[in-house]
Amino acid sequence: MIRLSILDQSPVLPGVSAQESLRESISLARRVEVLGYHRTWIGENHFHPGLACSAPEILMASILQETSSIRVGSGAVLLSYYSPLKVAEQFATLCALHPDRIDLGIGRATDPHDAVSILMGRSESEPHDRKIGDLLNLLSGTYEKPTPDPVVFMPYAASPDPFILSSSSRGAALAAALGLPLAFAHFSGGNSKAPLLYRQHYRPSARYPNPYVVICPAVVCASTDEEATYLSQSVVLWTLQLLVGKKSEIPDPKSALEAMRSWNASSHVTAIWDRLIHGSPRKVREELDTLVARHEADEIMILTITPDFASRRRSYELIAEAFHLGMPAKSRAIPA
């Protein structure tokens, strides 16, 4: 049975504040734990009015306090912005408090000249691959670097499970070279051959002797195909606006439907619809099964953005039913 997980970007939905969006992420984590999802990852986004979380490790701490068994991780920490030591200390601390439940999804900023880099006064940051190496060595206790005083990392008993999150062949090659699991960001487009390249070039590591692919699609599931298509208008328009450089809150489906009329002939719109899996539970199950087979995926991590929290939560419930997920043995009965 393939594992099902969720990627939560804490979307700011119509009529909802950023603070409420973060609370909804906590509520959603409680619900999907009861449904039987394997893990929930929290996205990191900056200067984006449509996505509320810029510090996943803090939201992770709150979710861990409100749940008991589901794995919790970052999807992904944008290591380009941070010191490897600081990230290692944060996630090692989370592991010390919640052993065997912490994932460290590692990603990179797509634009080295973006607002965060500018505010931090950086014209060129340390090479990403080197920072990943330093971070992994710190967590594994193998970090060696000449300094006036020895580097002593806090010797916690456990460390997080690291993943490389990417949509490119470069990221897939890095995950393969390091012997780490790959979380492929299908929802953002990118190189569809990346998971295959990863498997072909995978170098077994002591921790991960075999390759492991997590496929991360955007999905909207509803009781009927028609309802799912209607709800999907919001995320399609929102994604289209991102492509043309406009960051905004998630629009409501009615206004999105009106705005989409001038874009319907666009190749961008067609590409977004083709990439988005949407429909009734049966249709969504069939398309996810096809996606898994195409990429030889070991796990599906579902990103769902709809115009209201009730339909977003319901989408995950319907998918859980379609895949016959059961309640984890350790989960407690937490109300929705």
C-alpha atoms as a PDB file:
ATOM      1  CA  MET A   1       0.000   0.000   0.000  1.00  0.00           C
ATOM      2  CA  ILE A   2       1.477   3.318  -1.040  1.00  0.00           C
ATOM      3  CA  ARG A   3       1.923   5.954   1.654  1.00  0.00           C
ATOM      4  CA  LEU A   4      -0.163   9.132   1.520  1.00  0.00           C
ATOM      5  CA  SER A   5       1.068  12.395   3.027  1.00  0.00           C
ATOM      6  CA  ILE A   6       0.249  16.089   2.720  1.00  0.00           C
ATOM      7  CA  LEU A   7       2.145  19.245   1.840  1.00  0.00           C
ATOM      8  CA  ASP A   8       0.602  22.257   3.559  1.00  0.00           C
ATOM      9  CA  GLN A   9       1.564  25.722   2.310  1.00  0.00           C
ATOM     10  CA  SER A  10      -0.794  27.461   4.798  1.00  0.00           C
ATOM     11  CA  PRO A  11      -2.779  29.273   2.078  1.00  0.00           C
ATOM     12  CA  VAL A  12      -4.460  32.561   2.963  1.00  0.00           C
ATOM     13  CA  LEU A  13      -8.021  31.913   1.818  1.00  0.00           C
ATOM     14  CA  PRO A  14     -10.711  34.512   1.008  1.00  0.00           C
ATOM     15  CA  GLY A  15     -11.845  36.344   4.141  1.00  0.00           C
ATOM     16  CA  VAL A  16      -9.231  34.644   6.323  1.00  0.00           C
ATOM     17  CA  SER A  17      -6.258  36.288   8.032  1.00  0.00           C
ATOM     18  CA  ALA A  18      -2.717  34.949   7.979  1.00  0.00           C
ATOM     19  CA  GLN A  19      -3.031  34.132  11.682  1.00  0.00           C
ATOM     20  CA  GLU A  20      -6.163  32.075  11.019  1.00  0.00           C
ATOM     21  CA  SER A  21      -4.391  30.306   8.145  1.00  0.00           C
ATOM     22  CA  LEU A  22      -1.681  29.090  10.527  1.00  0.00           C
ATOM     23  CA  ARG A  23      -4.303  27.839  12.964  1.00  0.00           C
ATOM     24  CA  GLU A  24      -6.034  26.025  10.094  1.00  0.00           C
ATOM     25  CA  SER A  25      -2.760  24.240   9.350  1.00  0.00           C
ATOM     26  CA  ILE A  26      -2.686  22.935  12.917  1.00  0.00           C
ATOM     27  CA  SER A  27      -6.310  21.833  12.663  1.00  0.00           C
ATOM     28  CA  LEU A  28      -5.645  20.113   9.339  1.00  0.00           C
ATOM     29  CA  ALA A  29      -2.677  18.228  10.785  1.00  0.00           C
ATOM     30  CA  ARG A  30      -4.864  16.901  13.599  1.00  0.00           C
ATOM     31  CA  ARG A  31      -7.458  15.755  11.091  1.00  0.00           C
ATOM     32  CA  VAL A  32      -5.145  14.024   8.616  1.00  0.00           C
ATOM     33  CA  GLU A  33      -3.395  12.192  11.454  1.00  0.00           C
ATOM     34  CA  VAL A  34      -6.719  10.630  12.404  1.00  0.00           C
ATOM     35  CA  LEU A  35      -7.390   9.809   8.735  1.00  0.00           C
ATOM     36  CA  GLY A  36      -4.141   7.844   8.493  1.00  0.00           C
ATOM     37  CA  TYR A  37      -1.831  10.097   6.482  1.00  0.00           C
ATOM     38  CA  HIS A  38       1.839   9.299   7.014  1.00  0.00           C
ATOM     39  CA  ARG A  39       3.356  12.791   7.275  1.00  0.00           C
ATOM     40  CA  THR A  40       2.562  16.468   6.939  1.00  0.00           C
ATOM     41  CA  TRP A  41       5.129  18.912   5.620  1.00  0.00           C
ATOM     42  CA  ILE A  42       4.973  22.663   6.078  1.00  0.00           C
ATOM     43  CA  GLY A  43       6.077  24.928   3.233  1.00  0.00           C
ATOM     44  CA  GLU A  44       8.361  27.933   3.604  1.00  0.00           C
ATOM     45  CA  ASN A  45       7.443  31.085   1.684  1.00  0.00           C
ATOM     46  CA  HIS A  46       8.547  34.699   2.019  1.00  0.00           C
ATOM     47  CA  PHE A  47       6.882  37.997   1.105  1.00  0.00           C
ATOM     48  CA  HIS A  48       3.850  36.154  -0.238  1.00  0.00           C
ATOM     49  CA  PRO A  49       0.372  37.441   0.731  1.00  0.00           C
ATOM     50  CA  GLY A  50      -1.203  34.145  -0.341  1.00  0.00           C
ATOM     51  CA  LEU A  51       0.942  31.836   1.812  1.00  0.00           C
ATOM     52  CA  ALA A  52       1.155  32.424   5.548  1.00  0.00           C
ATOM     53  CA  CYS A  53       4.135  30.413   6.796  1.00  0.00           C
ATOM     54  CA  SER A  54       7.669  31.779   6.518  1.00  0.00           C
ATOM     55  CA  ALA A  55       9.115  29.752   9.424  1.00  0.00           C
ATOM     56  CA  PRO A  56       8.108  26.078   9.082  1.00  0.00           C
ATOM     57  CA  GLU A  57      10.103  24.913  12.084  1.00  0.00           C
ATOM     58  CA  ILE A  58       7.965  27.108  14.377  1.00  0.00           C
ATOM     59  CA  LEU A  59       4.659  25.910  12.935  1.00  0.00           C
ATOM     60  CA  MET A  60       6.022  22.353  13.077  1.00  0.00           C
ATOM     61  CA  ALA A  61       6.577  22.730  16.822  1.00  0.00           C
ATOM     62  CA  SER A  62       2.936  23.727  17.329  1.00  0.00           C
ATOM     63  CA  ILE A  63       1.678  20.845  15.174  1.00  0.00           C
ATOM     64  CA  LEU A  64       3.855  18.359  17.051  1.00  0.00           C
ATOM     65  CA  GLN A  65       2.310  19.502  20.318  1.00  0.00           C
ATOM     66  CA  GLU A  66      -1.201  18.955  18.912  1.00  0.00           C
ATOM     67  CA  THR A  67      -0.581  15.517  17.372  1.00  0.00           C
ATOM     68  CA  SER A  68       0.895  12.243  18.563  1.00  0.00           C
ATOM     69  CA  SER A  69       1.993  10.014  15.679  1.00  0.00           C
ATOM     70  CA  ILE A  70       2.079  11.691  12.289  1.00  0.00           C
ATOM     71  CA  ARG A  71       5.529  12.632  10.988  1.00  0.00           C
ATOM     72  CA  VAL A  72       6.060  16.383  10.666  1.00  0.00           C
ATOM     73  CA  GLY A  73       8.555  18.093   8.405  1.00  0.00           C
ATOM     74  CA  SER A  74       9.618  21.063   6.338  1.00  0.00           C
ATOM     75  CA  GLY A  75       8.671  21.251   2.697  1.00  0.00           C
ATOM     76  CA  ALA A  76      11.247  22.656   2.402  1.00  0.00           C
ATOM     77  CA  VAL A  77      13.661  24.706   4.477  1.00  0.00           C
ATOM     78  CA  LEU A  78      15.247  27.108   1.967  1.00  0.00           C
ATOM     79  CA  LEU A  79      18.821  26.513   3.019  1.00  0.00           C
ATOM     80  CA  SER A  80      20.128  29.272   0.744  1.00  0.00           C
ATOM     81  CA  TYR A  81      19.002  31.784   3.367  1.00  0.00           C
ATOM     82  CA  TYR A  82      20.376  30.160   6.509  1.00  0.00           C
ATOM     83  CA  SER A  83      23.409  28.941   8.385  1.00  0.00           C
ATOM     84  CA  PRO A  84      23.607  25.123   8.296  1.00  0.00           C
ATOM     85  CA  LEU A  85      24.436  25.211  12.017  1.00  0.00           C
ATOM     86  CA  LYS A  86      21.235  27.083  12.849  1.00  0.00           C
ATOM     87  CA  VAL A  87      19.068  24.684  10.826  1.00  0.00           C
ATOM     88  CA  ALA A  88      20.839  21.675  12.370  1.00  0.00           C
ATOM     89  CA  GLU A  89      20.260  22.993  15.883  1.00  0.00           C
ATOM     90  CA  GLN A  90      16.583  23.745  15.242  1.00  0.00           C
ATOM     91  CA  PHE A  91      15.789  20.326  13.806  1.00  0.00           C
ATOM     92  CA  ALA A  92      17.939  18.410  16.270  1.00  0.00           C
ATOM     93  CA  THR A  93      16.031  20.148  19.062  1.00  0.00           C
ATOM     94  CA  LEU A  94      12.708  19.152  17.486  1.00  0.00           C
ATOM     95  CA  CYS A  95      14.023  15.570  17.281  1.00  0.00           C
ATOM     96  CA  ALA A  96      15.054  15.612  20.931  1.00  0.00           C
ATOM     97  CA  LEU A  97      11.535  16.641  21.919  1.00  0.00           C
ATOM     98  CA  HIS A  98       9.711  14.412  19.408  1.00  0.00           C
ATOM     99  CA  PRO A  99      11.922  11.424  18.501  1.00  0.00           C
ATOM    100  CA  ASP A 100      11.268   9.544  15.252  1.00  0.00           C
ATOM    101  CA  ARG A 101       8.753  12.081  13.980  1.00  0.00           C
ATOM    102  CA  ILE A 102      10.843  14.793  12.311  1.00  0.00           C
ATOM    103  CA  ASP A 103      11.601  15.196   8.597  1.00  0.00           C
ATOM    104  CA  LEU A 104      13.993  17.772   7.188  1.00  0.00           C
ATOM    105  CA  GLY A 105      13.018  18.636   3.632  1.00  0.00           C
ATOM    106  CA  ILE A 106      15.810  20.745   2.122  1.00  0.00           C
ATOM    107  CA  GLY A 107      15.300  23.112  -0.789  1.00  0.00           C
ATOM    108  CA  ARG A 108      16.829  26.207  -2.291  1.00  0.00           C
ATOM    109  CA  ALA A 109      15.620  29.656  -3.324  1.00  0.00           C
ATOM    110  CA  THR A 110      15.044  29.836  -7.065  1.00  0.00           C
ATOM    111  CA  ASP A 111      16.294  33.412  -7.419  1.00  0.00           C
ATOM    112  CA  PRO A 112      19.657  34.347  -5.805  1.00  0.00           C
ATOM    113  CA  HIS A 113      18.753  38.037  -6.120  1.00  0.00           C
ATOM    114  CA  ASP A 114      15.330  37.831  -4.476  1.00  0.00           C
ATOM    115  CA  ALA A 115      14.034  40.048  -1.685  1.00  0.00           C
ATOM    116  CA  VAL A 116      15.329  37.877   1.160  1.00  0.00           C
ATOM    117  CA  SER A 117      18.883  37.851  -0.187  1.00  0.00           C
ATOM    118  CA  ILE A 118      18.752  41.604  -0.748  1.00  0.00           C
ATOM    119  CA  LEU A 119      17.537  42.276   2.802  1.00  0.00           C
ATOM    120  CA  MET A 120      20.275  40.057   4.181  1.00  0.00           C
ATOM    121  CA  GLY A 121      22.861  42.042   2.263  1.00  0.00           C
ATOM    122  CA  ARG A 122      24.074  39.125   0.192  1.00  0.00           C
ATOM    123  CA  SER A 123      25.300  39.493  -3.353  1.00  0.00           C
ATOM    124  CA  GLU A 124      26.411  35.871  -3.559  1.00  0.00           C
ATOM    125  CA  SER A 125      25.731  33.161  -1.023  1.00  0.00           C
ATOM    126  CA  GLU A 126      27.791  30.094  -0.160  1.00  0.00           C
ATOM    127  CA  PRO A 127      27.305  27.259  -2.690  1.00  0.00           C
ATOM    128  CA  HIS A 128      24.104  25.375  -1.922  1.00  0.00           C
ATOM    129  CA  ASP A 129      25.605  21.891  -2.259  1.00  0.00           C
ATOM    130  CA  ARG A 130      28.341  22.719   0.256  1.00  0.00           C
ATOM    131  CA  LYS A 131      25.795  24.014   2.753  1.00  0.00           C
ATOM    132  CA  ILE A 132      23.790  20.804   2.435  1.00  0.00           C
ATOM    133  CA  GLY A 133      26.953  18.807   3.082  1.00  0.00           C
ATOM    134  CA  ASP A 134      27.754  20.859   6.180  1.00  0.00           C
ATOM    135  CA  LEU A 135      24.189  20.468   7.453  1.00  0.00           C
ATOM    136  CA  LEU A 136      24.169  16.687   6.975  1.00  0.00           C
ATOM    137  CA  ASN A 137      27.593  16.342   8.605  1.00  0.00           C
ATOM    138  CA  LEU A 138      26.481  18.366  11.608  1.00  0.00           C
ATOM    139  CA  LEU A 139      23.413  16.191  12.062  1.00  0.00           C
ATOM    140  CA  SER A 140      25.378  12.958  11.676  1.00  0.00           C
ATOM    141  CA  GLY A 141      28.223  14.030  13.963  1.00  0.00           C
ATOM    142  CA  THR A 142      30.848  13.905  11.200  1.00  0.00           C
ATOM    143  CA  TYR A 143      31.427  17.638  10.747  1.00  0.00           C
ATOM    144  CA  GLU A 144      35.118  18.522  10.558  1.00  0.00           C
ATOM    145  CA  LYS A 145      36.463  22.003   9.951  1.00  0.00           C
ATOM    146  CA  PRO A 146      39.651  23.670  11.236  1.00  0.00           C
ATOM    147  CA  THR A 147      38.769  26.280  13.846  1.00  0.00           C
ATOM    148  CA  PRO A 148      40.585  27.834  16.823  1.00  0.00           C
ATOM    149  CA  ASP A 149      38.312  25.783  19.073  1.00  0.00           C
ATOM    150  CA  PRO A 150      36.727  22.396  18.313  1.00  0.00           C
ATOM    151  CA  VAL A 151      33.161  22.437  16.992  1.00  0.00           C
ATOM    152  CA  VAL A 152      30.975  20.578  19.476  1.00  0.00           C
ATOM    153  CA  PHE A 153      27.429  20.030  18.293  1.00  0.00           C
ATOM    154  CA  MET A 154      24.827  19.237  20.941  1.00  0.00           C
ATOM    155  CA  PRO A 155      24.822  15.396  21.092  1.00  0.00           C
ATOM    156  CA  TYR A 156      21.121  14.645  20.760  1.00  0.00           C
ATOM    157  CA  ALA A 157      20.206  10.979  20.481  1.00  0.00           C
ATOM    158  CA  ALA A 158      18.228  11.327  17.240  1.00  0.00           C
ATOM    159  CA  SER A 159      18.385  13.311  14.036  1.00  0.00           C
ATOM    160  CA  PRO A 160      15.716  14.169  11.440  1.00  0.00           C
ATOM    161  CA  ASP A 161      15.182  12.190   8.263  1.00  0.00           C
ATOM    162  CA  PRO A 162      16.590  14.379   5.455  1.00  0.00           C
ATOM    163  CA  PHE A 163      15.014  14.741   1.996  1.00  0.00           C
ATOM    164  CA  ILE A 164      15.940  16.809  -1.046  1.00  0.00           C
ATOM    165  CA  LEU A 165      12.944  18.680  -2.427  1.00  0.00           C
ATOM    166  CA  SER A 166      13.299  19.669  -6.075  1.00  0.00           C
ATOM    167  CA  SER A 167      11.560  19.825  -9.451  1.00  0.00           C
ATOM    168  CA  SER A 168      14.769  19.836 -11.519  1.00  0.00           C
ATOM    169  CA  SER A 169      17.210  17.255 -12.814  1.00  0.00           C
ATOM    170  CA  ARG A 170      19.949  19.067 -10.875  1.00  0.00           C
ATOM    171  CA  GLY A 171      18.145  18.550  -7.582  1.00  0.00           C
ATOM    172  CA  ALA A 172      17.440  14.935  -8.486  1.00  0.00           C
ATOM    173  CA  ALA A 173      21.130  14.383  -9.275  1.00  0.00           C
ATOM    174  CA  LEU A 174      22.113  15.904  -5.936  1.00  0.00           C
ATOM    175  CA  ALA A 175      19.697  13.644  -4.024  1.00  0.00           C
ATOM    176  CA  ALA A 176      21.048  10.631  -5.921  1.00  0.00           C
ATOM    177  CA  ALA A 177      24.679  11.556  -5.231  1.00  0.00           C
ATOM    178  CA  LEU A 178      24.011  12.059  -1.516  1.00  0.00           C
ATOM    179  CA  GLY A 179      21.962   8.885  -1.176  1.00  0.00           C
ATOM    180  CA  LEU A 180      18.897  10.754   0.087  1.00  0.00           C
ATOM    181  CA  PRO A 181      15.168  10.462  -0.663  1.00  0.00           C
ATOM    182  CA  LEU A 182      13.818  12.781  -3.378  1.00  0.00           C
ATOM    183  CA  ALA A 183      10.612  14.770  -2.946  1.00  0.00           C
ATOM    184  CA  PHE A 184       9.680  15.734  -6.512  1.00  0.00           C
ATOM    185  CA  ALA A 185       7.617  18.945  -6.697  1.00  0.00           C
ATOM    186  CA  HIS A 186       5.270  17.837  -9.475  1.00  0.00           C
ATOM    187  CA  PHE A 187       2.861  20.668  -8.589  1.00  0.00           C
ATOM    188  CA  SER A 188       5.358  23.297  -9.756  1.00  0.00           C
ATOM    189  CA  GLY A 189       6.120  21.733 -13.130  1.00  0.00           C
ATOM    190  CA  GLY A 190       9.770  21.179 -13.885  1.00  0.00           C
ATOM    191  CA  ASN A 191      11.573  18.245 -15.405  1.00  0.00           C
ATOM    192  CA  SER A 192       9.231  15.240 -15.429  1.00  0.00           C
ATOM    193  CA  LYS A 193      12.221  12.943 -16.028  1.00  0.00           C
ATOM    194  CA  ALA A 194      13.872  13.954 -12.742  1.00  0.00           C
ATOM    195  CA  PRO A 195      12.589  10.960 -10.690  1.00  0.00           C
ATOM    196  CA  LEU A 196      13.823   8.530 -13.348  1.00  0.00           C
ATOM    197  CA  LEU A 197      17.238  10.215 -13.483  1.00  0.00           C
ATOM    198  CA  TYR A 198      17.368  10.028  -9.703  1.00  0.00           C
ATOM    199  CA  ARG A 199      16.732   6.277  -9.684  1.00  0.00           C
ATOM    200  CA  GLN A 200      19.229   5.640 -12.494  1.00  0.00           C
ATOM    201  CA  HIS A 201      22.060   7.469 -10.718  1.00  0.00           C
ATOM    202  CA  TYR A 202      21.233   6.680  -7.097  1.00  0.00           C
ATOM    203  CA  ARG A 203      24.206   5.915  -4.849  1.00  0.00           C
ATOM    204  CA  PRO A 204      23.167   3.809  -1.840  1.00  0.00           C
ATOM    205  CA  SER A 205      23.973   5.313   1.559  1.00  0.00           C
ATOM    206  CA  ALA A 206      24.152   3.707   4.977  1.00  0.00           C
ATOM    207  CA  ARG A 207      20.908   5.362   5.985  1.00  0.00           C
ATOM    208  CA  TYR A 208      19.089   4.841   2.672  1.00  0.00           C
ATOM    209  CA  PRO A 209      20.323   1.744   0.812  1.00  0.00           C
ATOM    210  CA  ASN A 210      17.541   2.135  -1.759  1.00  0.00           C
ATOM    211  CA  PRO A 211      16.171   5.160  -3.647  1.00  0.00           C
ATOM    212  CA  TYR A 212      12.920   6.641  -2.380  1.00  0.00           C
ATOM    213  CA  VAL A 213      10.688   8.941  -4.421  1.00  0.00           C
ATOM    214  CA  VAL A 214       7.957  11.124  -2.960  1.00  0.00           C
ATOM    215  CA  ILE A 215       5.768  12.609  -5.692  1.00  0.00           C
ATOM    216  CA  CYS A 216       4.104  15.917  -4.729  1.00  0.00           C
ATOM    217  CA  PRO A 217       1.126  16.760  -6.970  1.00  0.00           C
ATOM    218  CA  ALA A 218      -1.515  19.452  -6.624  1.00  0.00           C
ATOM    219  CA  VAL A 219      -4.898  17.802  -6.070  1.00  0.00           C
ATOM    220  CA  VAL A 220      -8.473  18.985  -5.580  1.00  0.00           C
ATOM    221  CA  CYS A 221     -10.995  16.268  -4.742  1.00  0.00           C
ATOM    222  CA  ALA A 222     -14.731  16.803  -4.272  1.00  0.00           C
ATOM    223  CA  SER A 223     -17.893  14.708  -4.343  1.00  0.00           C
ATOM    224  CA  THR A 224     -18.327  15.284  -8.092  1.00  0.00           C
ATOM    225  CA  ASP A 225     -16.115  16.192 -11.017  1.00  0.00           C
ATOM    226  CA  GLU A 226     -18.117  19.382 -11.523  1.00  0.00           C
ATOM    227  CA  GLU A 227     -17.631  20.574  -7.944  1.00  0.00           C
ATOM    228  CA  ALA A 228     -13.913  19.837  -8.075  1.00  0.00           C
ATOM    229  CA  THR A 229     -13.570  21.807 -11.330  1.00  0.00           C
ATOM    230  CA  TYR A 230     -15.412  24.753  -9.792  1.00  0.00           C
ATOM    231  CA  LEU A 231     -13.245  24.738  -6.662  1.00  0.00           C
ATOM    232  CA  SER A 232     -10.102  24.427  -8.795  1.00  0.00           C
ATOM    233  CA  GLN A 233     -10.730  27.742 -10.557  1.00  0.00           C
ATOM    234  CA  SER A 234      -9.245  29.550  -7.566  1.00  0.00           C
ATOM    235  CA  VAL A 235      -5.890  27.760  -7.527  1.00  0.00           C
ATOM    236  CA  VAL A 236      -5.593  27.794 -11.329  1.00  0.00           C
ATOM    237  CA  LEU A 237      -5.987  31.582 -11.498  1.00  0.00           C
ATOM    238  CA  TRP A 238      -3.708  32.032  -8.481  1.00  0.00           C
ATOM    239  CA  THR A 239      -1.006  29.866 -10.092  1.00  0.00           C
ATOM    240  CA  LEU A 240      -1.395  31.763 -13.357  1.00  0.00           C
ATOM    241  CA  GLN A 241      -0.884  35.060 -11.548  1.00  0.00           C
ATOM    242  CA  LEU A 242       2.305  33.682  -9.985  1.00  0.00           C
ATOM    243  CA  LEU A 243       3.626  32.830 -13.440  1.00  0.00           C
ATOM    244  CA  VAL A 244       3.258  36.453 -14.533  1.00  0.00           C
ATOM    245  CA  GLY A 245       4.880  37.783 -11.357  1.00  0.00           C
ATOM    246  CA  LYS A 246       1.773  38.717  -9.373  1.00  0.00           C
ATOM    247  CA  LYS A 247       1.626  37.421  -5.797  1.00  0.00           C
ATOM    248  CA  SER A 248      -1.832  37.603  -4.255  1.00  0.00           C
ATOM    249  CA  GLU A 249      -4.160  35.935  -1.805  1.00  0.00           C
ATOM    250  CA  ILE A 250      -6.190  32.955  -3.014  1.00  0.00           C
ATOM    251  CA  PRO A 251      -9.174  34.302  -5.027  1.00  0.00           C
ATOM    252  CA  ASP A 252     -12.732  33.049  -4.544  1.00  0.00           C
ATOM    253  CA  PRO A 253     -13.943  30.739  -7.334  1.00  0.00           C
ATOM    254  CA  LYS A 254     -16.623  33.086  -8.669  1.00  0.00           C
ATOM    255  CA  SER A 255     -14.237  35.972  -9.268  1.00  0.00           C
ATOM    256  CA  ALA A 256     -11.611  33.518 -10.530  1.00  0.00           C
ATOM    257  CA  LEU A 257     -14.078  32.164 -13.062  1.00  0.00           C
ATOM    258  CA  GLU A 258     -14.734  35.691 -14.348  1.00  0.00           C
ATOM    259  CA  ALA A 259     -11.048  36.558 -14.543  1.00  0.00           C
ATOM    260  CA  MET A 260     -10.168  33.306 -16.280  1.00  0.00           C
ATOM    261  CA  ARG A 261     -12.279  34.155 -19.331  1.00  0.00           C
ATOM    262  CA  SER A 262      -9.577  36.401 -20.725  1.00  0.00           C
ATOM    263  CA  TRP A 263      -6.943  33.692 -20.157  1.00  0.00           C
ATOM    264  CA  ASN A 264      -8.681  30.561 -21.422  1.00  0.00           C
ATOM    265  CA  ALA A 265      -6.743  30.433 -24.685  1.00  0.00           C
ATOM    266  CA  SER A 266      -3.400  30.759 -22.922  1.00  0.00           C
ATOM    267  CA  SER A 267      -0.989  27.838 -23.096  1.00  0.00           C
ATOM    268  CA  HIS A 268      -0.143  28.569 -19.454  1.00  0.00           C
ATOM    269  CA  VAL A 269      -3.748  27.874 -18.443  1.00  0.00           C
ATOM    270  CA  THR A 270      -3.748  24.577 -20.328  1.00  0.00           C
ATOM    271  CA  ALA A 271      -0.488  23.522 -18.676  1.00  0.00           C
ATOM    272  CA  ILE A 272      -1.797  24.349 -15.197  1.00  0.00           C
ATOM    273  CA  TRP A 273      -5.038  22.413 -15.729  1.00  0.00           C
ATOM    274  CA  ASP A 274      -3.117  19.448 -17.161  1.00  0.00           C
ATOM    275  CA  ARG A 275      -0.852  19.336 -14.112  1.00  0.00           C
ATOM    276  CA  LEU A 276      -3.655  19.734 -11.549  1.00  0.00           C
ATOM    277  CA  ILE A 277      -5.353  16.484 -10.562  1.00  0.00           C
ATOM    278  CA  HIS A 278      -8.986  17.255  -9.830  1.00  0.00           C
ATOM    279  CA  GLY A 279     -12.289  15.437  -9.749  1.00  0.00           C
ATOM    280  CA  SER A 280     -14.355  12.914  -7.835  1.00  0.00           C
ATOM    281  CA  PRO A 281     -12.648  10.392  -5.509  1.00  0.00           C
ATOM    282  CA  ARG A 282     -12.642   7.682  -8.187  1.00  0.00           C
ATOM    283  CA  LYS A 283     -11.148   9.977 -10.826  1.00  0.00           C
ATOM    284  CA  VAL A 284      -8.517  11.334  -8.429  1.00  0.00           C
ATOM    285  CA  ARG A 285      -7.559   7.812  -7.316  1.00  0.00           C
ATOM    286  CA  GLU A 286      -7.128   6.701 -10.925  1.00  0.00           C
ATOM    287  CA  GLU A 287      -4.979   9.707 -11.841  1.00  0.00           C
ATOM    288  CA  LEU A 288      -2.819   9.381  -8.729  1.00  0.00           C
ATOM    289  CA  ASP A 289      -2.290   5.676  -9.433  1.00  0.00           C
ATOM    290  CA  THR A 290      -1.206   6.580 -12.972  1.00  0.00           C
ATOM    291  CA  LEU A 291       1.163   9.254 -11.653  1.00  0.00           C
ATOM    292  CA  VAL A 292       2.712   6.803  -9.191  1.00  0.00           C
ATOM    293  CA  ALA A 293       3.267   4.218 -11.913  1.00  0.00           C
ATOM    294  CA  ARG A 294       4.779   6.779 -14.296  1.00  0.00           C
ATOM    295  CA  HIS A 295       7.346   7.988 -11.763  1.00  0.00           C
ATOM    296  CA  GLU A 296       7.772   4.732  -9.810  1.00  0.00           C
ATOM    297  CA  ALA A 297       6.907   6.710  -6.685  1.00  0.00           C
ATOM    298  CA  ASP A 298       7.004   5.244  -3.198  1.00  0.00           C
ATOM    299  CA  GLU A 299       4.813   7.915  -1.616  1.00  0.00           C
ATOM    300  CA  ILE A 300       2.301  10.588  -2.633  1.00  0.00           C
ATOM    301  CA  MET A 301       2.467  13.945  -0.867  1.00  0.00           C
ATOM    302  CA  ILE A 302      -0.670  15.886  -1.745  1.00  0.00           C
ATOM    303  CA  LEU A 303      -0.896  19.676  -1.959  1.00  0.00           C
ATOM    304  CA  THR A 304      -4.482  20.901  -1.881  1.00  0.00           C
ATOM    305  CA  ILE A 305      -5.515  24.539  -2.098  1.00  0.00           C
ATOM    306  CA  THR A 306      -9.205  25.372  -2.338  1.00  0.00           C
ATOM    307  CA  PRO A 307     -11.062  28.641  -1.630  1.00  0.00           C
ATOM    308  CA  ASP A 308     -12.207  27.595   1.862  1.00  0.00           C
ATOM    309  CA  PHE A 309     -10.910  25.423   4.662  1.00  0.00           C
ATOM    310  CA  ALA A 310     -13.936  23.096   4.762  1.00  0.00           C
ATOM    311  CA  SER A 311     -13.491  22.029   1.130  1.00  0.00           C
ATOM    312  CA  ARG A 312      -9.723  21.698   1.590  1.00  0.00           C
ATOM    313  CA  ARG A 313     -10.165  19.405   4.573  1.00  0.00           C
ATOM    314  CA  ARG A 314     -12.934  17.496   2.758  1.00  0.00           C
ATOM    315  CA  SER A 315     -10.628  16.920  -0.207  1.00  0.00           C
ATOM    316  CA  TYR A 316      -8.131  15.120   2.041  1.00  0.00           C
ATOM    317  CA  GLU A 317     -10.955  13.129   3.648  1.00  0.00           C
ATOM    318  CA  LEU A 318     -12.280  11.932   0.290  1.00  0.00           C
ATOM    319  CA  ILE A 319      -8.797  10.952  -0.901  1.00  0.00           C
ATOM    320  CA  ALA A 320      -8.242   9.001   2.325  1.00  0.00           C
ATOM    321  CA  GLU A 321     -11.501   7.141   1.687  1.00  0.00           C
ATOM    322  CA  ALA A 322     -10.540   6.455  -1.934  1.00  0.00           C
ATOM    323  CA  PHE A 323      -7.263   4.880  -0.801  1.00  0.00           C
ATOM    324  CA  HIS A 324      -8.881   3.074   2.163  1.00  0.00           C
ATOM    325  CA  LEU A 325      -6.580   4.646   4.719  1.00  0.00           C
ATOM    326  CA  GLY A 326      -7.036   3.402   8.266  1.00  0.00           C
ATOM    327  CA  MET A 327      -6.562   5.104  11.602  1.00  0.00           C
ATOM    328  CA  PRO A 328      -2.957   4.832  12.874  1.00  0.00           C
ATOM    329  CA  ALA A 329      -2.618   2.628  15.929  1.00  0.00           C
ATOM    330  CA  LYS A 330      -1.093   5.407  18.026  1.00  0.00           C
ATOM    331  CA  SER A 331      -3.395   8.226  17.002  1.00  0.00           C
ATOM    332  CA  ARG A 332      -5.815   9.552  19.517  1.00  0.00           C
ATOM    333  CA  ALA A 333      -9.388  10.505  18.770  1.00  0.00           C
ATOM    334  CA  ILE A 334      -8.964  14.199  18.022  1.00  0.00           C
ATOM    335  CA  PRO A 335     -12.083  16.024  16.818  1.00  0.00           C
ATOM    336  CA  ALA A 336     -12.016  17.712  13.427  1.00  0.00           C
END
